[in-house]
Amino acid sequence: MPGMLGEKAQRRLGFPCAWRPTWCLRWASRARLGTSPDSERDLEAADLRRGVPLHKLFDGFGRIIRTQADTLPAAQKEKLFSSSHKVERFDFFISHVCSTPGLKKYVTLVMDRLGLFAFAAAAIVSVGLFLFQAYWHILPRSKAFTRHDTFFGFTWAVSFWELFGGVSAAWLVYAFGHVFCSRTCCFFDCASICQTNPHLKAAGITSIPRFLRASNELVVLWDELYFSRLWCVYELAVVQSLGNIPIRLLPLDVYMLLALGQVYWFAAGVGYLLLWPWIPGVWGAHLGTLFVGIPVFALQAHAGHTFARLYAKLLEQFEGFDVRSAAISFESDRSCICVSIEELFDGSLDNFNRKVRTDLKSAAMRSLTGQRAMIPYRGMLWQMLPGLPFFCSKFSTTMHLPFYYRVSYHFFGVTFVLCVLPVFSAAAMEFGKRVAAQTKPDGSGAAMRYVGVGVLFATALCVWAQLVWILPCWIGVGGMRSHGVEDWHSLLVAVPTNALAVVAAVWAFCPQSGIDSSGSAEAGGDGTKLG
């Protein structure tokens, strides 16, 4: 495929663009409409293939991403352009709608690029603090959160170090982890294309197909406006015509809700540890679970309804896609882009429409709904990142208790974070989708239904904890010796009951061979997937 627009598309430019120099230059760098010798030398000397290092893209909490280049003075535009440098290839090409809030794009890209490292940091720091406290009792604990458990008959002091340390480490990775990503470069339009020299800007824009060919993948920051913008559609068309460049769709609102969910789960963990010591016996655990679980699961129900609405909107856009109806700022540019797309797809826009409605749709919807749960397991873990640091705090709080108590409790804690919470949250999302369908999604009736879902699943979580945590641990501290049950028998209860959680998680999140009616075809071979 040629690096520029096809010859037919260039011939369609003609004279009508001449009276509009800024937009004319977007297409006319090769047509030489009014190009001076100086500008020709500029184009020949220009390093048009310029990538933005990830550490610069995320610097200042996504300053570049949040920038509206058209509103900047010339000096700031020059500074923006200087953040990019010449590259041979792009690690990824970012396709997005310029008018979409930059904060959404920043949060989405950070969670996508740094999410795994943040999760690893939270795990390493929280487990490290737990092991440190297991061998050296140096870190102080408040007497205000020291309790005597009348049920188990032991005294313990709550440790907040693991929870705060692990979550802080993860959020520091989100905020500053990009400084270690200097070798990763991407194409981001306002920084990769010169905004001050009109000839370089025109040459950069007309070279977008060449930039796409030099990219390892196309990252689509999808929102409800994406398929309505012709420039976004054009970038998608170029990649689809090549067939060997993966496309990753990152739904912005989904990632924003996952980020908010992470904050909610952290607040829930802190709230539980603050409340738990003040209520005697097992009621401390159960009332703490109800207190923090009801609002969190209600929010999960609301998120489930939101996810379902977004997926339905995406499916609707796929099925009704027509490149001819996409919007563009200047109608005179439409014919140029459409002619170029025709050349990429055997002279027919309908071929491109068909490609989007079938291959791209099936691959994208499969990656979203390719499991029984509403979101993939990775997304659920990102949302529940504070869970592991929370349980490390609880492990540290109870590490002086008898051996079989600790073993049973560790079984419970690990499966609770990795299996039980994801399964319960997925179920709450499904319930939220169904109950909200019976009322207005933003009305008081829907809010009460969400709270009802929260009550249901928080109560179910208490029942699960009673069977899988309280009962085995009670056996582990000798609570049933009078009935001839030995302490080690706690493992005979803990292992099979916790195994049920593993089976449930596999059932909910294991990829399915096909997808539901929203996208029943098998995934296409174009490499499209959800990040």
Protein backbone atom coordinates (compact mmCIF):
# COMPACT_ATOMS: atom_id res chain seq x y z
CA MET A 1 0.00 0.00 0.00
CA PRO A 2 1.37 3.45 -0.82
CA GLY A 3 2.43 5.68 2.00
CA MET A 4 0.14 8.50 0.94
CA LEU A 5 -3.41 8.67 -0.32
CA GLY A 6 -4.01 6.94 -3.63
CA GLU A 7 -3.53 8.79 -6.88
CA LYS A 8 -7.26 8.90 -7.54
CA ALA A 9 -7.88 10.48 -4.14
CA GLN A 10 -5.21 13.09 -4.77
CA ARG A 11 -6.69 13.99 -8.15
CA ARG A 12 -10.03 14.57 -6.43
CA LEU A 13 -8.50 17.39 -4.39
CA GLY A 14 -8.51 19.90 -7.24
CA PHE A 15 -9.04 23.61 -6.89
CA PRO A 16 -11.92 23.83 -4.35
CA CYS A 17 -9.50 23.40 -1.45
CA ALA A 18 -7.28 26.27 -2.52
CA TRP A 19 -9.30 28.93 -0.75
CA ARG A 20 -8.97 27.03 2.53
CA PRO A 21 -5.19 26.79 3.02
CA THR A 22 -5.04 25.09 6.41
CA TRP A 23 -7.23 22.16 5.43
CA CYS A 24 -5.99 22.13 1.85
CA LEU A 25 -2.45 21.53 3.08
CA ARG A 26 -3.62 18.48 4.98
CA TRP A 27 -3.98 16.76 1.61
CA ALA A 28 -1.91 18.79 -0.81
CA SER A 29 1.69 18.18 0.21
CA ARG A 30 2.10 15.80 -2.70
CA ALA A 31 -0.22 17.70 -5.03
CA ARG A 32 2.12 20.72 -4.63
CA LEU A 33 -0.67 23.27 -4.43
CA GLY A 34 1.13 26.55 -3.87
CA THR A 35 4.18 24.93 -2.27
CA SER A 36 7.26 27.15 -2.22
CA PRO A 37 10.87 25.92 -2.70
CA ASP A 38 11.51 26.63 0.98
CA SER A 39 8.58 24.49 2.05
CA GLU A 40 9.74 21.69 -0.27
CA ARG A 41 13.13 21.72 1.44
CA ASP A 42 11.34 21.67 4.80
CA LEU A 43 9.47 18.55 3.77
CA GLU A 44 12.58 16.83 2.47
CA ALA A 45 14.49 17.55 5.68
CA ALA A 46 11.61 16.75 8.02
CA ASP A 47 11.59 13.74 10.31
CA LEU A 48 7.92 12.98 9.75
CA ARG A 49 7.83 9.62 11.53
CA ARG A 50 8.00 10.90 15.10
CA GLY A 51 7.03 8.93 18.17
CA VAL A 52 6.23 10.10 21.67
CA PRO A 53 8.04 8.13 24.41
CA LEU A 54 5.61 6.73 26.93
CA HIS A 55 7.39 8.47 29.79
CA LYS A 56 6.70 11.82 28.11
CA LEU A 57 3.13 10.93 27.12
CA PHE A 58 2.22 10.17 30.76
CA ASP A 59 4.35 12.93 32.29
CA GLY A 60 2.47 15.52 34.34
CA PHE A 61 -0.46 13.09 34.71
CA GLY A 62 -0.98 12.96 30.96
CA ARG A 63 -0.37 16.62 30.15
CA ILE A 64 0.11 15.84 26.46
CA ILE A 65 -2.99 13.67 26.33
CA ARG A 66 -5.10 16.32 28.07
CA THR A 67 -3.86 19.09 25.78
CA GLN A 68 -6.10 20.61 23.13
CA ALA A 69 -3.43 21.60 20.60
CA ASP A 70 -5.67 24.01 18.68
CA THR A 71 -6.00 26.24 21.75
CA LEU A 72 -2.24 26.60 22.40
CA PRO A 73 -0.04 29.54 21.39
CA ALA A 74 2.73 28.86 18.87
CA ALA A 75 5.45 28.53 21.53
CA GLN A 76 3.48 25.86 23.39
CA LYS A 77 2.81 24.01 20.13
CA GLU A 78 6.56 23.94 19.44
CA LYS A 79 7.17 22.55 22.92
CA LEU A 80 4.49 19.94 22.34
CA PHE A 81 6.11 18.85 19.07
CA SER A 82 9.55 18.68 20.71
CA SER A 83 8.27 15.94 23.03
CA SER A 84 8.41 13.54 20.04
CA HIS A 85 11.47 12.32 18.16
CA LYS A 86 12.23 10.37 15.01
CA VAL A 87 11.59 6.63 15.21
CA GLU A 88 11.79 3.68 12.85
CA ARG A 89 8.57 2.10 14.14
CA PHE A 90 5.80 2.86 16.60
CA ASP A 91 5.05 0.43 19.40
CA PHE A 92 1.43 1.45 19.05
CA PHE A 93 -0.68 4.02 17.21
CA ILE A 94 -3.33 5.80 19.30
CA SER A 95 -6.61 6.40 17.46
CA HIS A 96 -9.01 8.64 19.35
CA VAL A 97 -11.62 11.38 19.14
CA CYS A 98 -9.94 14.69 19.86
CA SER A 99 -12.98 16.16 21.64
CA THR A 100 -13.17 13.33 24.19
CA PRO A 101 -11.99 14.44 27.68
CA GLY A 102 -8.26 13.86 28.01
CA LEU A 103 -8.56 12.57 31.57
CA LYS A 104 -10.51 9.54 30.35
CA LYS A 105 -7.83 8.79 27.77
CA TYR A 106 -5.06 9.17 30.33
CA VAL A 107 -6.68 6.88 32.91
CA THR A 108 -7.45 4.27 30.25
CA LEU A 109 -3.94 4.22 28.82
CA VAL A 110 -2.30 4.18 32.26
CA MET A 111 -4.41 1.24 33.44
CA ASP A 112 -3.78 -0.59 30.18
CA ARG A 113 -0.02 -0.02 30.09
CA LEU A 114 0.85 -0.03 33.79
CA GLY A 115 -1.95 -2.12 35.33
CA LEU A 116 0.06 -5.34 35.53
CA PHE A 117 3.05 -3.57 37.08
CA ALA A 118 0.80 -1.81 39.60
CA PHE A 119 -0.80 -5.11 40.61
CA ALA A 120 2.63 -6.71 40.97
CA ALA A 121 3.87 -3.77 43.06
CA ALA A 122 0.87 -4.02 45.38
CA ALA A 123 1.43 -7.76 45.82
CA ILE A 124 5.18 -7.50 46.40
CA VAL A 125 5.00 -4.62 48.88
CA SER A 126 2.06 -5.98 50.88
CA VAL A 127 3.48 -9.52 51.06
CA GLY A 128 6.90 -8.07 51.89
CA LEU A 129 5.48 -6.03 54.76
CA PHE A 130 3.60 -9.08 56.02
CA LEU A 131 6.77 -11.20 56.02
CA PHE A 132 8.73 -8.37 57.63
CA GLN A 133 6.22 -8.14 60.46
CA ALA A 134 6.17 -11.92 60.81
CA TYR A 135 9.87 -11.95 61.74
CA TRP A 136 10.50 -8.44 63.14
CA HIS A 137 7.80 -6.84 65.25
CA ILE A 138 9.06 -3.31 64.73
CA LEU A 139 6.25 -1.43 63.00
CA PRO A 140 3.94 0.19 65.57
CA ARG A 141 0.23 -0.53 65.91
CA SER A 142 -2.43 1.56 67.59
CA LYS A 143 -3.93 0.37 70.87
CA ALA A 144 -7.20 1.90 69.68
CA PHE A 145 -7.47 -0.96 67.19
CA THR A 146 -6.46 -3.77 69.54
CA ARG A 147 -9.29 -6.19 70.23
CA HIS A 148 -10.02 -9.30 72.24
CA ASP A 149 -12.08 -11.72 70.19
CA THR A 150 -14.57 -13.35 72.53
CA PHE A 151 -15.40 -16.07 70.00
CA PHE A 152 -11.90 -17.36 69.25
CA GLY A 153 -10.50 -16.26 72.62
CA PHE A 154 -7.47 -14.35 71.30
CA THR A 155 -6.29 -10.75 71.37
CA TRP A 156 -4.95 -9.06 68.24
CA ALA A 157 -3.92 -5.60 67.07
CA VAL A 158 -5.05 -4.56 63.59
CA SER A 159 -2.23 -3.83 61.14
CA PHE A 160 -2.89 -1.18 58.50
CA TRP A 161 0.65 -1.27 57.11
CA GLU A 162 0.09 -3.88 54.41
CA LEU A 163 -3.10 -2.29 53.07
CA PHE A 164 -1.75 1.25 52.94
CA GLY A 165 1.70 0.16 51.78
CA GLY A 166 0.47 -2.13 48.99
CA VAL A 167 -2.13 0.26 47.58
CA SER A 168 0.27 3.21 47.84
CA ALA A 169 2.87 1.24 45.88
CA ALA A 170 0.33 0.46 43.15
CA TRP A 171 -0.84 4.05 42.86
CA LEU A 172 2.76 5.28 42.77
CA VAL A 173 3.34 2.94 39.82
CA TYR A 174 0.28 4.40 38.10
CA ALA A 175 1.52 7.94 38.74
CA PHE A 176 5.26 7.56 38.11
CA GLY A 177 5.88 4.12 36.61
CA HIS A 178 6.12 5.68 33.16
CA VAL A 179 9.63 6.98 33.93
CA PHE A 180 10.88 3.43 33.26
CA CYS A 181 9.13 3.26 29.87
CA SER A 182 11.53 5.42 27.87
CA ARG A 183 11.94 2.82 25.10
CA THR A 184 8.24 2.52 24.33
CA CYS A 185 7.14 5.05 21.69
CA CYS A 186 3.70 5.68 20.25
CA PHE A 187 2.04 7.87 17.66
CA PHE A 188 -0.09 10.57 19.25
CA ASP A 189 -1.32 13.03 16.65
CA CYS A 190 -0.94 16.43 18.32
CA ALA A 191 2.64 15.67 19.44
CA SER A 192 3.82 13.51 16.52
CA ILE A 193 2.67 15.97 13.83
CA CYS A 194 4.00 19.52 13.72
CA GLN A 195 1.29 22.04 14.65
CA THR A 196 3.13 25.26 13.71
CA ASN A 197 4.54 24.68 10.21
CA PRO A 198 1.54 24.22 7.87
CA HIS A 199 3.60 22.34 5.26
CA LEU A 200 4.98 19.87 7.81
CA LYS A 201 1.52 19.50 9.30
CA ALA A 202 0.06 18.71 5.88
CA ALA A 203 2.83 16.22 5.12
CA GLY A 204 2.36 14.56 8.51
CA ILE A 205 -1.38 14.17 8.10
CA THR A 206 -1.12 12.76 4.59
CA SER A 207 1.50 10.31 5.86
CA ILE A 208 -0.87 8.75 8.40
CA PRO A 209 -1.23 5.55 6.31
CA ARG A 210 2.56 5.23 6.33
CA PHE A 211 2.63 5.74 10.10
CA LEU A 212 0.00 3.05 10.55
CA ARG A 213 2.03 0.61 8.48
CA ALA A 214 5.00 1.31 10.78
CA SER A 215 2.98 0.55 13.93
CA ASN A 216 3.00 -2.71 15.84
CA GLU A 217 -0.64 -2.29 16.85
CA LEU A 218 -3.56 0.13 16.67
CA VAL A 219 -4.99 1.16 20.04
CA VAL A 220 -8.55 2.46 19.70
CA LEU A 221 -9.73 4.65 22.58
CA TRP A 222 -13.38 3.92 22.01
CA ASP A 223 -16.26 6.10 23.13
CA GLU A 224 -19.70 6.60 21.66
CA LEU A 225 -18.41 9.20 19.19
CA TYR A 226 -15.61 7.11 17.71
CA PHE A 227 -17.41 5.45 14.80
CA SER A 228 -19.13 8.72 13.93
CA ARG A 229 -15.85 10.49 13.06
CA LEU A 230 -14.55 9.96 9.54
CA TRP A 231 -10.88 10.47 10.43
CA CYS A 232 -11.11 7.69 13.05
CA VAL A 233 -12.87 5.47 10.54
CA TYR A 234 -10.16 6.20 7.98
CA GLU A 235 -7.40 5.06 10.36
CA LEU A 236 -9.38 1.92 11.04
CA ALA A 237 -9.81 1.33 7.31
CA VAL A 238 -6.08 1.54 6.64
CA VAL A 239 -5.28 -1.02 9.34
CA GLN A 240 -8.11 -3.31 8.26
CA SER A 241 -6.81 -3.25 4.68
CA LEU A 242 -3.37 -4.37 5.84
CA GLY A 243 -4.74 -7.26 7.87
CA ASN A 244 -1.57 -7.97 9.86
CA ILE A 245 -1.71 -5.19 12.48
CA PRO A 246 -3.57 -6.05 15.73
CA ILE A 247 -6.36 -3.72 16.81
CA ARG A 248 -7.09 -3.28 20.52
CA LEU A 249 -10.30 -1.57 21.57
CA LEU A 250 -10.16 0.14 24.96
CA PRO A 251 -13.65 1.35 26.00
CA LEU A 252 -12.96 4.57 27.91
CA ASP A 253 -15.98 4.46 30.22
CA VAL A 254 -15.28 0.83 31.15
CA TYR A 255 -11.74 1.69 32.22
CA MET A 256 -12.95 4.74 34.16
CA LEU A 257 -15.40 2.56 36.09
CA LEU A 258 -12.66 0.02 36.81
CA ALA A 259 -10.46 2.82 38.15
CA LEU A 260 -13.29 4.11 40.35
CA GLY A 261 -13.97 0.55 41.50
CA GLN A 262 -10.37 0.28 42.66
CA VAL A 263 -10.87 3.38 44.82
CA TYR A 264 -14.14 1.99 46.20
CA TRP A 265 -12.57 -1.34 47.15
CA PHE A 266 -9.72 0.45 48.91
CA ALA A 267 -12.21 2.56 50.88
CA ALA A 268 -14.13 -0.62 51.72
CA GLY A 269 -10.98 -2.30 53.05
CA VAL A 270 -10.10 0.68 55.23
CA GLY A 271 -13.67 0.92 56.50
CA TYR A 272 -13.71 -2.75 57.45
CA LEU A 273 -10.45 -2.55 59.41
CA LEU A 274 -11.67 0.57 61.21
CA LEU A 275 -15.00 -0.99 62.20
CA TRP A 276 -14.01 -4.61 62.86
CA PRO A 277 -12.14 -4.13 66.22
CA TRP A 278 -15.04 -2.30 67.86
CA ILE A 279 -17.65 -5.06 67.55
CA PRO A 280 -17.14 -8.19 69.69
CA GLY A 281 -17.15 -11.78 68.46
CA VAL A 282 -17.91 -12.90 64.94
CA TRP A 283 -20.38 -10.04 64.64
CA GLY A 284 -17.43 -7.73 64.04
CA ALA A 285 -16.59 -9.57 60.84
CA HIS A 286 -20.19 -9.89 59.67
CA LEU A 287 -21.29 -6.34 60.43
CA GLY A 288 -18.07 -5.02 58.91
CA THR A 289 -18.82 -7.02 55.75
CA LEU A 290 -22.37 -5.66 55.60
CA PHE A 291 -21.27 -2.09 56.30
CA VAL A 292 -18.74 -1.95 53.48
CA GLY A 293 -20.23 -4.63 51.22
CA ILE A 294 -23.65 -3.09 50.62
CA PRO A 295 -22.39 0.15 49.00
CA VAL A 296 -19.62 -1.62 47.07
CA PHE A 297 -21.90 -4.28 45.60
CA ALA A 298 -24.53 -1.62 44.86
CA LEU A 299 -21.87 0.21 42.85
CA GLN A 300 -21.00 -3.07 41.11
CA ALA A 301 -24.66 -3.41 40.14
CA HIS A 302 -24.64 0.11 38.71
CA ALA A 303 -21.42 -0.67 36.84
CA GLY A 304 -23.05 -3.79 35.41
CA HIS A 305 -25.90 -1.75 33.98
CA THR A 306 -23.43 0.78 32.56
CA PHE A 307 -21.29 -1.93 30.97
CA ALA A 308 -24.35 -3.52 29.39
CA ARG A 309 -25.43 -0.16 27.95
CA LEU A 310 -21.96 0.49 26.53
CA TYR A 311 -21.73 -2.98 24.99
CA ALA A 312 -25.18 -2.57 23.45
CA LYS A 313 -24.15 0.79 22.02
CA LEU A 314 -20.95 -0.66 20.58
CA LEU A 315 -22.87 -3.55 19.03
CA GLU A 316 -25.41 -1.12 17.57
CA GLN A 317 -22.62 0.97 16.05
CA PHE A 318 -21.01 -2.12 14.52
CA GLU A 319 -24.23 -3.46 13.03
CA GLY A 320 -25.34 -0.09 11.68
CA PHE A 321 -21.91 1.04 10.56
CA ASP A 322 -21.74 2.97 7.28
CA VAL A 323 -18.65 4.97 6.43
CA ARG A 324 -20.80 7.32 4.34
CA SER A 325 -22.62 8.60 7.43
CA ALA A 326 -19.48 9.41 9.46
CA ALA A 327 -19.11 13.09 10.33
CA ILE A 328 -16.23 15.34 9.32
CA SER A 329 -15.48 18.97 10.07
CA PHE A 330 -15.17 19.97 6.39
CA GLU A 331 -17.41 18.21 3.90
CA SER A 332 -15.03 18.90 1.02
CA ASP A 333 -12.56 16.47 2.65
CA ARG A 334 -15.12 13.66 2.68
CA SER A 335 -14.72 12.68 -0.98
CA CYS A 336 -10.93 12.50 -0.63
CA ILE A 337 -11.11 10.10 2.32
CA CYS A 338 -13.87 8.00 0.79
CA VAL A 339 -11.94 7.61 -2.48
CA SER A 340 -8.89 6.51 -0.51
CA ILE A 341 -10.93 3.91 1.40
CA GLU A 342 -12.40 2.66 -1.88
CA GLU A 343 -8.89 2.10 -3.21
CA LEU A 344 -8.03 0.10 -0.10
CA PHE A 345 -11.09 -2.17 -0.43
CA ASP A 346 -11.32 -3.07 -4.13
CA GLY A 347 -13.13 0.08 -5.18
CA SER A 348 -16.11 -0.30 -2.83
CA LEU A 349 -17.05 1.38 0.43
CA ASP A 350 -19.50 -1.46 1.01
CA ASN A 351 -16.59 -3.90 1.26
CA PHE A 352 -15.18 -1.85 4.13
CA ASN A 353 -18.61 -1.59 5.77
CA ARG A 354 -18.97 -5.36 5.53
CA LYS A 355 -15.52 -5.88 7.05
CA VAL A 356 -16.41 -3.73 10.06
CA ARG A 357 -19.85 -5.30 10.52
CA THR A 358 -18.51 -8.86 10.47
CA ASP A 359 -14.84 -9.50 11.24
CA LEU A 360 -14.19 -6.45 13.41
CA LYS A 361 -17.52 -6.74 15.23
CA SER A 362 -17.18 -10.44 16.02
CA ALA A 363 -13.62 -10.08 17.29
CA ALA A 364 -14.37 -7.03 19.43
CA MET A 365 -17.59 -8.40 20.93
CA ARG A 366 -15.97 -11.76 21.62
CA SER A 367 -13.20 -10.08 23.59
CA LEU A 368 -15.83 -8.25 25.64
CA THR A 369 -18.42 -10.99 26.09
CA GLY A 370 -16.30 -14.07 25.50
CA GLN A 371 -16.87 -15.29 29.07
CA ARG A 372 -19.92 -15.68 31.30
CA ALA A 373 -18.87 -12.72 33.44
CA MET A 374 -19.53 -9.24 32.09
CA ILE A 375 -15.86 -8.25 32.02
CA PRO A 376 -12.69 -10.35 31.61
CA TYR A 377 -10.87 -11.67 34.67
CA ARG A 378 -7.96 -9.29 34.16
CA GLY A 379 -10.27 -6.27 34.40
CA MET A 380 -11.88 -7.66 37.53
CA LEU A 381 -8.49 -8.13 39.19
CA TRP A 382 -7.44 -4.58 38.26
CA GLN A 383 -10.60 -3.30 39.94
CA MET A 384 -9.98 -5.36 43.09
CA LEU A 385 -6.29 -4.58 43.39
CA PRO A 386 -6.67 -3.50 47.08
CA GLY A 387 -7.98 -6.97 47.99
CA LEU A 388 -4.58 -8.64 48.35
CA PRO A 389 -3.04 -5.85 50.50
CA PHE A 390 -6.21 -5.92 52.62
CA PHE A 391 -5.85 -9.61 53.37
CA CYS A 392 -2.14 -9.25 54.00
CA SER A 393 -3.13 -6.78 56.73
CA LYS A 394 -5.52 -9.37 58.16
CA PHE A 395 -2.88 -12.11 57.89
CA SER A 396 -0.46 -9.89 59.79
CA THR A 397 -3.11 -9.20 62.43
CA THR A 398 -3.63 -12.92 63.12
CA MET A 399 -0.12 -14.30 62.57
CA HIS A 400 0.36 -15.13 66.29
CA LEU A 401 -2.66 -17.45 66.31
CA PRO A 402 -2.41 -21.29 66.20
CA PHE A 403 -0.94 -22.91 63.10
CA TYR A 404 -4.09 -24.57 61.77
CA TYR A 405 -6.07 -21.35 62.19
CA ARG A 406 -3.51 -19.51 60.08
CA VAL A 407 -3.36 -22.18 57.37
CA SER A 408 -7.16 -22.30 57.04
CA TYR A 409 -7.37 -18.53 57.07
CA HIS A 410 -4.68 -18.18 54.41
CA PHE A 411 -6.58 -20.61 52.19
CA PHE A 412 -9.68 -18.50 52.68
CA GLY A 413 -7.90 -15.18 52.07
CA VAL A 414 -6.21 -16.20 48.82
CA THR A 415 -9.33 -17.70 47.27
CA PHE A 416 -11.42 -14.81 48.59
CA VAL A 417 -9.31 -12.26 46.70
CA LEU A 418 -8.67 -14.24 43.52
CA CYS A 419 -11.98 -16.08 43.21
CA VAL A 420 -14.80 -15.13 45.60
CA LEU A 421 -14.77 -11.35 45.19
CA PRO A 422 -14.47 -11.53 41.37
CA VAL A 423 -17.34 -14.04 41.17
CA PHE A 424 -19.58 -12.10 43.56
CA SER A 425 -18.83 -8.84 41.75
CA ALA A 426 -19.55 -10.41 38.37
CA ALA A 427 -22.85 -11.74 39.71
CA ALA A 428 -23.74 -8.33 41.17
CA MET A 429 -23.05 -6.74 37.78
CA GLU A 430 -25.33 -9.26 36.09
CA PHE A 431 -28.08 -8.61 38.63
CA GLY A 432 -27.62 -4.86 38.20
CA LYS A 433 -28.03 -5.17 34.45
CA ARG A 434 -31.24 -7.15 34.85
CA VAL A 435 -32.94 -5.14 37.60
CA ALA A 436 -32.13 -1.78 36.00
CA ALA A 437 -33.79 -2.94 32.78
CA GLN A 438 -37.12 -2.80 34.62
CA THR A 439 -36.89 0.87 35.56
CA LYS A 440 -35.28 4.15 34.55
CA PRO A 441 -31.49 3.67 34.82
CA ASP A 442 -30.90 7.02 36.54
CA GLY A 443 -34.03 7.21 38.67
CA SER A 444 -34.58 6.60 42.38
CA GLY A 445 -36.17 3.24 41.59
CA ALA A 446 -32.97 2.04 39.96
CA ALA A 447 -30.90 3.30 42.91
CA MET A 448 -33.06 1.33 45.34
CA ARG A 449 -32.70 -1.77 43.19
CA TYR A 450 -28.92 -1.34 43.18
CA VAL A 451 -28.96 -1.09 46.97
CA GLY A 452 -31.09 -4.23 47.08
CA VAL A 453 -28.45 -6.03 45.04
CA GLY A 454 -25.83 -4.74 47.49
CA VAL A 455 -27.78 -6.11 50.47
CA LEU A 456 -28.24 -9.47 48.76
CA PHE A 457 -24.59 -10.02 47.92
CA ALA A 458 -23.17 -8.58 51.15
CA THR A 459 -25.42 -10.97 53.06
CA ALA A 460 -24.37 -13.88 50.84
CA LEU A 461 -20.75 -12.96 51.52
CA CYS A 462 -21.38 -13.19 55.27
CA VAL A 463 -22.86 -16.66 54.84
CA TRP A 464 -19.86 -17.72 52.73
CA ALA A 465 -17.43 -16.38 55.35
CA GLN A 466 -19.27 -18.25 58.11
CA LEU A 467 -18.87 -21.56 56.28
CA VAL A 468 -15.43 -21.15 54.72
CA TRP A 469 -13.64 -18.93 57.25
CA ILE A 470 -15.28 -19.11 60.68
CA LEU A 471 -16.00 -22.85 60.76
CA PRO A 472 -12.55 -24.14 59.64
CA CYS A 473 -10.73 -21.60 61.81
CA TRP A 474 -12.91 -22.51 64.81
CA ILE A 475 -11.87 -26.11 64.32
CA GLY A 476 -8.24 -24.98 63.90
CA VAL A 477 -8.14 -23.34 67.35
CA GLY A 478 -9.57 -26.45 69.04
CA GLY A 479 -13.15 -25.28 69.26
CA MET A 480 -14.55 -28.75 68.49
CA ARG A 481 -12.16 -30.99 70.43
CA SER A 482 -14.97 -31.88 72.81
CA HIS A 483 -16.72 -33.50 69.84
CA GLY A 484 -13.65 -35.54 68.88
CA VAL A 485 -12.64 -33.22 66.03
CA GLU A 486 -8.89 -32.56 65.93
CA ASP A 487 -7.35 -29.22 65.02
CA TRP A 488 -5.89 -30.50 61.75
CA HIS A 489 -9.35 -31.50 60.59
CA SER A 490 -9.83 -27.82 59.79
CA LEU A 491 -7.92 -28.49 56.58
CA LEU A 492 -10.45 -31.15 55.58
CA VAL A 493 -13.09 -28.44 55.67
CA ALA A 494 -11.03 -25.52 54.34
CA VAL A 495 -9.56 -27.18 51.24
CA PRO A 496 -12.75 -28.52 49.58
CA THR A 497 -14.88 -25.48 50.44
CA ASN A 498 -12.30 -23.06 49.07
CA ALA A 499 -11.94 -25.30 46.01
CA LEU A 500 -15.58 -24.51 45.24
CA ALA A 501 -14.58 -20.86 44.83
CA VAL A 502 -11.88 -21.82 42.34
CA VAL A 503 -14.38 -23.87 40.32
CA ALA A 504 -16.86 -20.97 40.32
CA ALA A 505 -14.19 -18.52 39.12
CA VAL A 506 -13.12 -20.84 36.31
CA TRP A 507 -16.76 -21.26 35.27
CA ALA A 508 -17.40 -17.50 35.28
CA PHE A 509 -14.22 -16.27 33.60
CA CYS A 510 -13.02 -19.10 31.38
CA PRO A 511 -13.17 -18.01 27.69
CA GLN A 512 -16.03 -19.61 25.80
CA SER A 513 -15.79 -21.23 22.38
CA GLY A 514 -18.49 -18.90 21.04
CA ILE A 515 -20.17 -15.72 22.13
CA ASP A 516 -23.74 -14.80 22.80
CA SER A 517 -26.34 -13.41 20.49
CA SER A 518 -24.76 -9.98 20.60
CA GLY A 519 -21.94 -11.35 18.53
CA SER A 520 -22.51 -14.98 17.73
CA ALA A 521 -19.84 -15.35 15.08
CA GLU A 522 -16.41 -16.62 15.92
CA ALA A 523 -13.67 -14.03 16.22
CA GLY A 524 -12.21 -12.84 12.98
CA GLY A 525 -8.59 -13.17 12.07
CA ASP A 526 -7.73 -9.48 12.17
CA GLY A 527 -6.25 -9.58 15.66
CA THR A 528 -8.90 -7.33 17.18
CA LYS A 529 -9.20 -7.62 20.93
CA LEU A 530 -10.07 -5.72 24.07
CA GLY A 531 -7.13 -4.40 26.06
